[in-house]
Amino acid sequence: MTRIEQQFAFLTETLKLSEILRQTLLPTSRRRENDAEHSWHLCLMVLVLAEHANTPVDALRVLKMLIIHDLVEIDAGDTYAYDSARMVGQHEREARAADRIFGLLPADQGSELRACWDEFEARATPEAKFAAALDRLQPVLLNVLTDGEKWREHGVTLSKVIARNQHARDGAATVWEHALKLLDDAVARGVLPAK
């Protein structure tokens, strides 16, 4: 294949991201959000909330991570954040998917995007920590806006939400503190059980 044919093969494959349905619901229609919508909303969050990163970040690098981080779900599927059984082997499934999906690109581009995905997964750089914080907090926002419907359906409690998402403070403590206020309000409204 020529370089441009490889690039178009990748771009065609990535259209499948809009077919991957997440557990989170959209606030108005209450239909399930798809991974492409999730990625878009995360990128918008970067543009709006970058000033709240714990340390200055390269916003373009964060955007790159967030636009590609869920591409692996084309092969591996979405793993619900509170499904501990499905989380077993999740990283291995996603790493195999990353090999295949980023392998569709010319080697230089595939290696660059795979390194970006690996950086996001490792959560070691300021950019990856900030990206991971937003990735964890966006579904919290959607669950709050949809009156905790999916939380209640899956028996999720405040302590589970905090345990799952508290590393968000490593990348964006101010945003995490705001999320805690949203969670307190959800508990007060009865849409998120405290225990």
N, C-alpha and C. Protein backbone atom coordinates (compact mmCIF):
# COMPACT_ATOMS: atom_id res chain seq x y z
N MET A 1 0.83 -1.20 0.00
CA MET A 1 0.00 0.00 0.00
C MET A 1 0.87 1.25 0.00
N THR A 2 0.39 2.29 -0.66
CA THR A 2 1.10 3.56 -0.63
C THR A 2 0.84 4.23 0.72
N ARG A 3 1.62 5.25 1.02
CA ARG A 3 1.46 5.97 2.28
C ARG A 3 0.04 6.52 2.44
N ILE A 4 -0.46 7.17 1.38
CA ILE A 4 -1.80 7.76 1.51
C ILE A 4 -2.87 6.67 1.61
N GLU A 5 -2.65 5.53 0.97
CA GLU A 5 -3.61 4.43 1.11
C GLU A 5 -3.63 3.90 2.55
N GLN A 6 -2.46 3.82 3.16
CA GLN A 6 -2.40 3.41 4.57
C GLN A 6 -3.12 4.42 5.46
N GLN A 7 -2.88 5.69 5.20
CA GLN A 7 -3.52 6.73 6.01
C GLN A 7 -5.04 6.68 5.88
N PHE A 8 -5.53 6.48 4.66
CA PHE A 8 -6.97 6.40 4.47
C PHE A 8 -7.55 5.11 5.05
N ALA A 9 -6.78 4.03 5.04
CA ALA A 9 -7.24 2.79 5.69
C ALA A 9 -7.42 3.03 7.19
N PHE A 10 -6.48 3.73 7.79
CA PHE A 10 -6.59 4.07 9.22
C PHE A 10 -7.80 4.96 9.46
N LEU A 11 -7.92 6.02 8.67
CA LEU A 11 -9.03 6.96 8.85
C LEU A 11 -10.38 6.27 8.67
N THR A 12 -10.47 5.36 7.73
CA THR A 12 -11.70 4.60 7.51
C THR A 12 -12.00 3.72 8.72
N GLU A 13 -10.99 3.04 9.22
CA GLU A 13 -11.16 2.15 10.38
C GLU A 13 -11.61 2.93 11.61
N THR A 14 -11.07 4.12 11.78
CA THR A 14 -11.38 4.88 13.00
C THR A 14 -12.81 5.43 13.00
N LEU A 15 -13.48 5.43 11.86
CA LEU A 15 -14.88 5.83 11.84
C LEU A 15 -15.73 4.90 12.70
N LYS A 16 -15.24 3.70 12.95
CA LYS A 16 -15.96 2.73 13.78
C LYS A 16 -16.09 3.20 15.23
N LEU A 17 -15.31 4.21 15.62
CA LEU A 17 -15.37 4.70 17.00
C LEU A 17 -16.77 5.20 17.35
N SER A 18 -17.47 5.74 16.36
CA SER A 18 -18.82 6.25 16.63
C SER A 18 -19.83 5.12 16.82
N GLU A 19 -19.43 3.88 16.57
CA GLU A 19 -20.30 2.73 16.77
C GLU A 19 -20.11 2.08 18.14
N ILE A 20 -19.09 2.51 18.87
CA ILE A 20 -18.81 1.94 20.19
C ILE A 20 -19.64 2.71 21.22
N LEU A 21 -20.60 2.04 21.81
CA LEU A 21 -21.49 2.69 22.78
C LEU A 21 -20.94 2.54 24.19
N ARG A 22 -21.00 3.61 24.91
CA ARG A 22 -20.56 3.66 26.30
C ARG A 22 -21.77 3.49 27.22
N GLN A 23 -21.54 3.33 28.50
CA GLN A 23 -22.64 3.24 29.45
C GLN A 23 -23.24 4.60 29.76
N THR A 24 -22.46 5.66 29.61
CA THR A 24 -22.95 6.99 29.94
C THR A 24 -24.05 7.42 28.97
N LEU A 25 -24.99 8.18 29.52
CA LEU A 25 -26.11 8.68 28.73
C LEU A 25 -25.91 10.16 28.43
N LEU A 26 -26.46 10.59 27.32
CA LEU A 26 -26.46 12.02 26.99
C LEU A 26 -27.62 12.70 27.71
N PRO A 27 -27.42 13.93 28.18
CA PRO A 27 -28.39 14.57 29.06
C PRO A 27 -29.78 14.81 28.47
N THR A 28 -29.89 15.15 27.21
CA THR A 28 -31.20 15.50 26.66
C THR A 28 -31.94 14.26 26.14
N SER A 29 -31.32 13.53 25.25
CA SER A 29 -31.99 12.38 24.63
C SER A 29 -31.99 11.14 25.53
N ARG A 30 -31.05 11.10 26.46
CA ARG A 30 -30.84 9.94 27.33
C ARG A 30 -30.43 8.69 26.55
N ARG A 31 -29.92 8.89 25.33
CA ARG A 31 -29.36 7.75 24.61
C ARG A 31 -27.92 7.57 25.04
N ARG A 32 -27.37 6.39 24.78
CA ARG A 32 -26.00 6.12 25.17
C ARG A 32 -25.02 6.94 24.32
N GLU A 33 -24.06 7.50 24.99
CA GLU A 33 -22.99 8.24 24.33
C GLU A 33 -22.11 7.25 23.58
N ASN A 34 -21.57 7.67 22.43
CA ASN A 34 -20.60 6.80 21.75
C ASN A 34 -19.19 7.35 21.98
N ASP A 35 -18.20 6.52 21.67
CA ASP A 35 -16.81 6.89 21.94
C ASP A 35 -16.36 8.13 21.18
N ALA A 36 -16.87 8.34 19.97
CA ALA A 36 -16.48 9.53 19.21
C ALA A 36 -16.99 10.79 19.89
N GLU A 37 -18.22 10.74 20.39
CA GLU A 37 -18.77 11.89 21.12
C GLU A 37 -17.98 12.14 22.40
N HIS A 38 -17.64 11.07 23.08
CA HIS A 38 -16.83 11.18 24.30
C HIS A 38 -15.50 11.86 24.00
N SER A 39 -14.83 11.41 22.95
CA SER A 39 -13.53 11.98 22.59
C SER A 39 -13.66 13.45 22.22
N TRP A 40 -14.69 13.79 21.46
CA TRP A 40 -14.91 15.19 21.10
C TRP A 40 -15.13 16.04 22.35
N HIS A 41 -15.95 15.56 23.27
CA HIS A 41 -16.25 16.36 24.45
C HIS A 41 -15.01 16.54 25.31
N LEU A 42 -14.18 15.50 25.39
CA LEU A 42 -12.93 15.62 26.14
C LEU A 42 -12.02 16.68 25.53
N CYS A 43 -11.95 16.72 24.20
CA CYS A 43 -11.11 17.72 23.54
C CYS A 43 -11.63 19.13 23.82
N LEU A 44 -12.93 19.29 23.84
CA LEU A 44 -13.50 20.59 24.19
C LEU A 44 -13.17 20.95 25.64
N MET A 45 -13.21 19.95 26.52
CA MET A 45 -12.86 20.19 27.91
C MET A 45 -11.41 20.68 28.05
N VAL A 46 -10.51 20.15 27.22
CA VAL A 46 -9.12 20.61 27.25
C VAL A 46 -9.06 22.09 26.93
N LEU A 47 -9.76 22.50 25.88
CA LEU A 47 -9.73 23.90 25.47
C LEU A 47 -10.27 24.82 26.55
N VAL A 48 -11.26 24.35 27.30
CA VAL A 48 -11.90 25.18 28.31
C VAL A 48 -11.20 25.11 29.66
N LEU A 49 -10.68 23.94 30.02
CA LEU A 49 -10.17 23.72 31.37
C LEU A 49 -8.65 23.64 31.51
N ALA A 50 -7.91 23.81 30.43
CA ALA A 50 -6.45 23.65 30.49
C ALA A 50 -5.81 24.53 31.57
N GLU A 51 -6.38 25.67 31.84
CA GLU A 51 -5.81 26.56 32.86
C GLU A 51 -5.85 25.94 34.25
N HIS A 52 -6.63 24.88 34.42
CA HIS A 52 -6.76 24.24 35.72
C HIS A 52 -5.87 23.01 35.89
N ALA A 53 -5.03 22.73 34.89
CA ALA A 53 -4.07 21.63 35.05
C ALA A 53 -3.15 21.97 36.22
N ASN A 54 -2.73 20.96 36.94
CA ASN A 54 -1.86 21.21 38.11
C ASN A 54 -0.56 21.90 37.72
N THR A 55 -0.05 21.57 36.57
CA THR A 55 1.15 22.22 36.03
C THR A 55 0.85 22.59 34.58
N PRO A 56 1.53 23.58 34.04
CA PRO A 56 1.27 23.94 32.64
C PRO A 56 1.46 22.72 31.73
N VAL A 57 0.55 22.59 30.76
CA VAL A 57 0.60 21.45 29.86
C VAL A 57 0.63 21.92 28.41
N ASP A 58 1.15 21.06 27.56
CA ASP A 58 1.10 21.26 26.12
C ASP A 58 -0.29 20.80 25.69
N ALA A 59 -1.20 21.75 25.46
CA ALA A 59 -2.58 21.41 25.16
C ALA A 59 -2.71 20.57 23.90
N LEU A 60 -1.87 20.82 22.90
CA LEU A 60 -1.94 20.03 21.67
C LEU A 60 -1.60 18.56 21.97
N ARG A 61 -0.63 18.34 22.82
CA ARG A 61 -0.27 16.96 23.20
C ARG A 61 -1.46 16.30 23.93
N VAL A 62 -2.09 17.02 24.82
CA VAL A 62 -3.25 16.49 25.53
C VAL A 62 -4.37 16.17 24.54
N LEU A 63 -4.62 17.07 23.60
CA LEU A 63 -5.65 16.84 22.59
C LEU A 63 -5.35 15.58 21.78
N LYS A 64 -4.09 15.41 21.40
CA LYS A 64 -3.71 14.20 20.65
C LYS A 64 -4.02 12.94 21.44
N MET A 65 -3.67 12.95 22.72
CA MET A 65 -3.94 11.78 23.56
C MET A 65 -5.43 11.48 23.61
N LEU A 66 -6.22 12.51 23.81
CA LEU A 66 -7.65 12.30 24.01
C LEU A 66 -8.39 11.96 22.72
N ILE A 67 -7.87 12.38 21.60
CA ILE A 67 -8.55 12.05 20.34
C ILE A 67 -8.25 10.61 19.92
N ILE A 68 -7.14 10.04 20.43
CA ILE A 68 -6.79 8.67 20.03
C ILE A 68 -6.94 7.64 21.14
N HIS A 69 -7.11 8.07 22.39
CA HIS A 69 -7.01 7.12 23.50
C HIS A 69 -8.03 5.99 23.47
N ASP A 70 -9.22 6.25 22.92
CA ASP A 70 -10.24 5.21 22.89
C ASP A 70 -10.32 4.46 21.56
N LEU A 71 -9.44 4.76 20.61
CA LEU A 71 -9.47 4.02 19.34
C LEU A 71 -9.32 2.52 19.55
N VAL A 72 -8.62 2.13 20.61
CA VAL A 72 -8.43 0.71 20.87
C VAL A 72 -9.75 0.00 21.16
N GLU A 73 -10.77 0.74 21.55
CA GLU A 73 -12.06 0.12 21.85
C GLU A 73 -12.77 -0.37 20.60
N ILE A 74 -12.27 0.02 19.42
CA ILE A 74 -12.81 -0.54 18.17
C ILE A 74 -12.65 -2.06 18.20
N ASP A 75 -11.52 -2.53 18.70
CA ASP A 75 -11.28 -3.97 18.81
C ASP A 75 -11.62 -4.51 20.20
N ALA A 76 -11.23 -3.77 21.24
CA ALA A 76 -11.33 -4.28 22.61
C ALA A 76 -12.70 -4.04 23.23
N GLY A 77 -13.50 -3.17 22.65
CA GLY A 77 -14.80 -2.84 23.23
C GLY A 77 -14.64 -1.89 24.41
N ASP A 78 -15.74 -1.30 24.81
CA ASP A 78 -15.74 -0.40 25.96
C ASP A 78 -15.84 -1.23 27.23
N THR A 79 -15.03 -0.90 28.20
CA THR A 79 -15.11 -1.55 29.51
C THR A 79 -15.73 -0.56 30.48
N TYR A 80 -16.87 -0.94 31.04
CA TYR A 80 -17.55 -0.05 31.97
C TYR A 80 -16.66 0.19 33.19
N ALA A 81 -16.60 1.41 33.61
CA ALA A 81 -15.67 1.84 34.66
C ALA A 81 -15.84 1.08 35.97
N TYR A 82 -17.01 0.53 36.22
CA TYR A 82 -17.26 -0.15 37.50
C TYR A 82 -17.47 -1.65 37.33
N ASP A 83 -17.04 -2.20 36.21
CA ASP A 83 -17.16 -3.64 35.93
C ASP A 83 -15.82 -4.30 36.18
N SER A 84 -15.58 -4.70 37.43
CA SER A 84 -14.26 -5.25 37.80
C SER A 84 -13.96 -6.55 37.07
N ALA A 85 -14.96 -7.34 36.74
CA ALA A 85 -14.72 -8.60 36.03
C ALA A 85 -14.21 -8.32 34.61
N ARG A 86 -14.80 -7.36 33.94
CA ARG A 86 -14.39 -7.03 32.56
C ARG A 86 -13.02 -6.32 32.54
N MET A 87 -12.65 -5.71 33.66
CA MET A 87 -11.36 -5.02 33.71
C MET A 87 -10.18 -6.00 33.71
N VAL A 88 -10.43 -7.24 34.09
CA VAL A 88 -9.36 -8.24 34.07
C VAL A 88 -8.91 -8.41 32.62
N GLY A 89 -7.65 -8.21 32.37
CA GLY A 89 -7.09 -8.35 31.02
C GLY A 89 -7.36 -7.18 30.10
N GLN A 90 -7.96 -6.11 30.62
CA GLN A 90 -8.31 -4.96 29.78
C GLN A 90 -7.09 -4.36 29.10
N HIS A 91 -6.03 -4.14 29.85
CA HIS A 91 -4.86 -3.50 29.24
C HIS A 91 -4.27 -4.37 28.13
N GLU A 92 -4.23 -5.67 28.34
CA GLU A 92 -3.69 -6.57 27.32
C GLU A 92 -4.55 -6.53 26.06
N ARG A 93 -5.86 -6.56 26.22
CA ARG A 93 -6.77 -6.47 25.06
C ARG A 93 -6.55 -5.16 24.31
N GLU A 94 -6.44 -4.08 25.07
CA GLU A 94 -6.28 -2.78 24.44
C GLU A 94 -4.91 -2.62 23.80
N ALA A 95 -3.87 -3.20 24.39
CA ALA A 95 -2.52 -3.12 23.79
C ALA A 95 -2.49 -3.87 22.46
N ARG A 96 -3.14 -5.03 22.39
CA ARG A 96 -3.22 -5.76 21.11
C ARG A 96 -3.97 -4.92 20.08
N ALA A 97 -5.04 -4.28 20.51
CA ALA A 97 -5.81 -3.42 19.61
C ALA A 97 -4.97 -2.24 19.13
N ALA A 98 -4.19 -1.66 20.04
CA ALA A 98 -3.32 -0.54 19.66
C ALA A 98 -2.31 -0.99 18.61
N ASP A 99 -1.75 -2.17 18.78
CA ASP A 99 -0.81 -2.69 17.78
C ASP A 99 -1.47 -2.75 16.40
N ARG A 100 -2.67 -3.29 16.34
CA ARG A 100 -3.34 -3.44 15.04
C ARG A 100 -3.77 -2.10 14.46
N ILE A 101 -4.44 -1.29 15.27
CA ILE A 101 -5.03 -0.06 14.73
C ILE A 101 -3.95 0.95 14.33
N PHE A 102 -2.98 1.18 15.21
CA PHE A 102 -1.92 2.12 14.85
C PHE A 102 -0.99 1.51 13.80
N GLY A 103 -0.98 0.18 13.70
CA GLY A 103 -0.21 -0.51 12.66
C GLY A 103 -0.76 -0.32 11.26
N LEU A 104 -1.97 0.20 11.14
CA LEU A 104 -2.54 0.49 9.82
C LEU A 104 -1.85 1.68 9.17
N LEU A 105 -1.30 2.55 9.98
CA LEU A 105 -0.65 3.77 9.48
C LEU A 105 0.76 3.48 8.97
N PRO A 106 1.31 4.39 8.19
CA PRO A 106 2.74 4.31 7.89
C PRO A 106 3.52 4.25 9.20
N ALA A 107 4.64 3.55 9.20
CA ALA A 107 5.38 3.25 10.43
C ALA A 107 5.66 4.48 11.28
N ASP A 108 6.07 5.59 10.66
CA ASP A 108 6.42 6.78 11.45
C ASP A 108 5.20 7.34 12.17
N GLN A 109 4.06 7.41 11.49
CA GLN A 109 2.85 7.93 12.12
C GLN A 109 2.29 6.94 13.13
N GLY A 110 2.32 5.68 12.79
CA GLY A 110 1.83 4.65 13.71
C GLY A 110 2.62 4.64 15.01
N SER A 111 3.94 4.76 14.89
CA SER A 111 4.78 4.78 16.09
C SER A 111 4.51 6.01 16.93
N GLU A 112 4.31 7.15 16.29
CA GLU A 112 4.05 8.39 17.03
C GLU A 112 2.73 8.29 17.81
N LEU A 113 1.68 7.81 17.15
CA LEU A 113 0.39 7.72 17.83
C LEU A 113 0.39 6.63 18.89
N ARG A 114 1.10 5.54 18.63
CA ARG A 114 1.18 4.48 19.64
C ARG A 114 1.92 5.00 20.88
N ALA A 115 2.99 5.76 20.67
CA ALA A 115 3.72 6.34 21.80
C ALA A 115 2.82 7.29 22.59
N CYS A 116 1.98 8.03 21.89
CA CYS A 116 1.05 8.95 22.53
C CYS A 116 0.03 8.16 23.36
N TRP A 117 -0.46 7.05 22.81
CA TRP A 117 -1.40 6.19 23.54
C TRP A 117 -0.72 5.60 24.77
N ASP A 118 0.52 5.12 24.61
CA ASP A 118 1.26 4.55 25.75
C ASP A 118 1.49 5.61 26.84
N GLU A 119 1.78 6.83 26.42
CA GLU A 119 1.96 7.93 27.39
C GLU A 119 0.67 8.16 28.18
N PHE A 120 -0.46 8.17 27.49
CA PHE A 120 -1.74 8.35 28.17
C PHE A 120 -1.96 7.23 29.19
N GLU A 121 -1.70 6.00 28.78
CA GLU A 121 -1.91 4.84 29.65
C GLU A 121 -1.01 4.89 30.89
N ALA A 122 0.21 5.38 30.73
CA ALA A 122 1.17 5.40 31.84
C ALA A 122 0.87 6.49 32.87
N ARG A 123 0.18 7.54 32.45
CA ARG A 123 -0.16 8.65 33.34
C ARG A 123 1.04 9.17 34.13
N ALA A 124 2.17 9.33 33.47
CA ALA A 124 3.37 9.78 34.16
C ALA A 124 3.72 11.24 33.87
N THR A 125 3.34 11.75 32.70
CA THR A 125 3.67 13.12 32.33
C THR A 125 2.53 14.06 32.77
N PRO A 126 2.82 15.36 32.91
CA PRO A 126 1.74 16.29 33.24
C PRO A 126 0.59 16.23 32.23
N GLU A 127 0.93 16.08 30.94
CA GLU A 127 -0.11 16.01 29.91
C GLU A 127 -0.97 14.77 30.08
N ALA A 128 -0.35 13.64 30.35
CA ALA A 128 -1.11 12.40 30.52
C ALA A 128 -1.97 12.44 31.78
N LYS A 129 -1.43 13.03 32.83
CA LYS A 129 -2.21 13.14 34.07
C LYS A 129 -3.44 14.03 33.87
N PHE A 130 -3.25 15.13 33.15
CA PHE A 130 -4.37 16.03 32.88
C PHE A 130 -5.39 15.35 31.96
N ALA A 131 -4.91 14.69 30.92
CA ALA A 131 -5.80 13.96 30.01
C ALA A 131 -6.60 12.90 30.76
N ALA A 132 -5.92 12.15 31.61
CA ALA A 132 -6.60 11.11 32.38
C ALA A 132 -7.62 11.70 33.34
N ALA A 133 -7.31 12.84 33.93
CA ALA A 133 -8.25 13.50 34.83
C ALA A 133 -9.54 13.83 34.10
N LEU A 134 -9.43 14.43 32.94
CA LEU A 134 -10.62 14.79 32.18
C LEU A 134 -11.37 13.54 31.72
N ASP A 135 -10.63 12.51 31.33
CA ASP A 135 -11.26 11.26 30.89
C ASP A 135 -12.09 10.63 32.01
N ARG A 136 -11.64 10.77 33.23
CA ARG A 136 -12.39 10.23 34.36
C ARG A 136 -13.56 11.13 34.76
N LEU A 137 -13.39 12.43 34.62
CA LEU A 137 -14.40 13.35 35.12
C LEU A 137 -15.54 13.61 34.14
N GLN A 138 -15.31 13.42 32.85
CA GLN A 138 -16.38 13.63 31.88
C GLN A 138 -17.55 12.68 32.11
N PRO A 139 -17.32 11.39 32.35
CA PRO A 139 -18.46 10.51 32.64
C PRO A 139 -19.15 10.85 33.97
N VAL A 140 -18.39 11.35 34.93
CA VAL A 140 -19.00 11.79 36.19
C VAL A 140 -20.00 12.91 35.89
N LEU A 141 -19.57 13.87 35.09
CA LEU A 141 -20.47 14.98 34.72
C LEU A 141 -21.73 14.45 34.04
N LEU A 142 -21.57 13.53 33.08
CA LEU A 142 -22.75 13.00 32.39
C LEU A 142 -23.67 12.24 33.33
N ASN A 143 -23.09 11.49 34.25
CA ASN A 143 -23.92 10.76 35.21
C ASN A 143 -24.68 11.73 36.12
N VAL A 144 -24.04 12.80 36.53
CA VAL A 144 -24.73 13.80 37.35
C VAL A 144 -25.87 14.43 36.55
N LEU A 145 -25.60 14.76 35.28
CA LEU A 145 -26.61 15.42 34.44
C LEU A 145 -27.77 14.51 34.06
N THR A 146 -27.57 13.20 34.17
CA THR A 146 -28.65 12.25 33.84
C THR A 146 -29.21 11.60 35.11
N ASP A 147 -29.11 12.34 36.20
CA ASP A 147 -29.69 11.93 37.49
C ASP A 147 -29.22 10.55 37.95
N GLY A 148 -27.98 10.22 37.61
CA GLY A 148 -27.39 8.98 38.11
C GLY A 148 -28.06 7.72 37.62
N GLU A 149 -28.76 7.80 36.51
CA GLU A 149 -29.51 6.63 36.03
C GLU A 149 -28.62 5.40 35.87
N LYS A 150 -27.47 5.55 35.23
CA LYS A 150 -26.58 4.40 35.03
C LYS A 150 -25.87 4.00 36.32
N TRP A 151 -25.58 4.97 37.18
CA TRP A 151 -25.01 4.61 38.48
C TRP A 151 -25.97 3.70 39.23
N ARG A 152 -27.23 4.10 39.28
CA ARG A 152 -28.22 3.30 40.02
C ARG A 152 -28.42 1.94 39.36
N GLU A 153 -28.45 1.92 38.03
CA GLU A 153 -28.63 0.66 37.30
C GLU A 153 -27.53 -0.35 37.64
N HIS A 154 -26.32 0.16 37.85
CA HIS A 154 -25.17 -0.71 38.11
C HIS A 154 -24.78 -0.77 39.59
N GLY A 155 -25.58 -0.18 40.46
CA GLY A 155 -25.29 -0.25 41.89
C GLY A 155 -24.05 0.52 42.31
N VAL A 156 -23.77 1.60 41.62
CA VAL A 156 -22.58 2.41 41.92
C VAL A 156 -22.91 3.37 43.06
N THR A 157 -21.98 3.48 44.00
CA THR A 157 -22.14 4.37 45.15
C THR A 157 -21.09 5.48 45.10
N LEU A 158 -21.28 6.47 45.96
CA LEU A 158 -20.33 7.57 46.04
C LEU A 158 -18.92 7.06 46.31
N SER A 159 -18.77 6.11 47.22
CA SER A 159 -17.43 5.61 47.54
C SER A 159 -16.78 4.95 46.32
N LYS A 160 -17.56 4.27 45.49
CA LYS A 160 -17.01 3.66 44.27
C LYS A 160 -16.58 4.73 43.27
N VAL A 161 -17.40 5.77 43.14
CA VAL A 161 -17.07 6.85 42.20
C VAL A 161 -15.77 7.53 42.64
N ILE A 162 -15.65 7.79 43.94
CA ILE A 162 -14.43 8.45 44.43
C ILE A 162 -13.23 7.54 44.27
N ALA A 163 -13.36 6.28 44.62
CA ALA A 163 -12.23 5.35 44.50
C ALA A 163 -11.77 5.23 43.05
N ARG A 164 -12.70 5.18 42.13
CA ARG A 164 -12.37 5.01 40.71
C ARG A 164 -11.74 6.26 40.10
N ASN A 165 -12.13 7.42 40.57
CA ASN A 165 -11.78 8.66 39.88
C ASN A 165 -10.85 9.60 40.63
N GLN A 166 -10.47 9.28 41.86
CA GLN A 166 -9.73 10.24 42.67
C GLN A 166 -8.34 10.57 42.11
N HIS A 167 -7.80 9.72 41.25
CA HIS A 167 -6.49 10.08 40.67
C HIS A 167 -6.61 11.29 39.75
N ALA A 168 -7.83 11.73 39.46
CA ALA A 168 -8.00 12.94 38.64
C ALA A 168 -7.32 14.13 39.30
N ARG A 169 -7.23 14.13 40.61
CA ARG A 169 -6.58 15.26 41.30
C ARG A 169 -5.10 15.34 40.96
N ASP A 170 -4.50 14.24 40.50
CA ASP A 170 -3.08 14.26 40.11
C ASP A 170 -2.85 15.14 38.89
N GLY A 171 -3.88 15.31 38.08
CA GLY A 171 -3.73 16.13 36.88
C GLY A 171 -4.45 17.45 36.94
N ALA A 172 -5.51 17.50 37.76
CA ALA A 172 -6.32 18.72 37.80
C ALA A 172 -7.06 18.78 39.13
N ALA A 173 -6.36 19.16 40.18
CA ALA A 173 -6.95 19.17 41.52
C ALA A 173 -8.16 20.09 41.62
N THR A 174 -8.12 21.24 40.98
CA THR A 174 -9.24 22.19 41.03
C THR A 174 -10.48 21.58 40.37
N VAL A 175 -10.28 20.91 39.25
CA VAL A 175 -11.39 20.27 38.56
C VAL A 175 -11.94 19.12 39.40
N TRP A 176 -11.06 18.36 40.05
CA TRP A 176 -11.49 17.28 40.93
C TRP A 176 -12.32 17.83 42.10
N GLU A 177 -11.88 18.93 42.67
CA GLU A 177 -12.63 19.53 43.78
C GLU A 177 -14.02 19.97 43.32
N HIS A 178 -14.12 20.49 42.12
CA HIS A 178 -15.43 20.86 41.59
C HIS A 178 -16.29 19.61 41.38
N ALA A 179 -15.68 18.55 40.88
CA ALA A 179 -16.41 17.29 40.69
C ALA A 179 -16.94 16.76 42.02
N LEU A 180 -16.17 16.92 43.08
CA LEU A 180 -16.63 16.47 44.40
C LEU A 180 -17.89 17.23 44.82
N LYS A 181 -17.95 18.52 44.49
CA LYS A 181 -19.16 19.30 44.79
C LYS A 181 -20.35 18.78 44.00
N LEU A 182 -20.11 18.43 42.72
CA LEU A 182 -21.18 17.85 41.91
C LEU A 182 -21.65 16.52 42.50
N LEU A 183 -20.70 15.73 42.99
CA LEU A 183 -21.05 14.44 43.60
C LEU A 183 -21.84 14.63 44.89
N ASP A 184 -21.42 15.59 45.71
CA ASP A 184 -22.17 15.88 46.94
C ASP A 184 -23.60 16.28 46.60
N ASP A 185 -23.77 17.08 45.57
CA ASP A 185 -25.10 17.48 45.15
C ASP A 185 -25.90 16.28 44.66
N ALA A 186 -25.24 15.37 43.93
CA ALA A 186 -25.93 14.16 43.45
C ALA A 186 -26.40 13.30 44.63
N VAL A 187 -25.59 13.20 45.66
CA VAL A 187 -25.98 12.45 46.86
C VAL A 187 -27.17 13.15 47.51
N ALA A 188 -27.09 14.46 47.65
CA ALA A 188 -28.17 15.23 48.30
C ALA A 188 -29.49 15.11 47.54
N ARG A 189 -29.41 15.01 46.22
CA ARG A 189 -30.62 14.87 45.39
C ARG A 189 -31.12 13.42 45.35
N GLY A 190 -30.34 12.50 45.91
CA GLY A 190 -30.75 11.10 45.93
C GLY A 190 -30.48 10.35 44.65
N VAL A 191 -29.64 10.90 43.78
CA VAL A 191 -29.35 10.21 42.51
C VAL A 191 -28.07 9.39 42.57
N LEU A 192 -27.33 9.50 43.66
CA LEU A 192 -26.12 8.70 43.89
C LEU A 192 -26.13 8.25 45.34
N PRO A 193 -26.27 6.94 45.57
CA PRO A 193 -26.25 6.47 46.96
C PRO A 193 -24.90 6.74 47.61
N ALA A 194 -24.92 7.20 48.86
CA ALA A 194 -23.68 7.47 49.57
C ALA A 194 -22.96 6.17 49.89
N LYS A 195 -23.72 5.11 50.16
CA LYS A 195 -23.11 3.81 50.48
C LYS A 195 -23.75 2.71 49.70
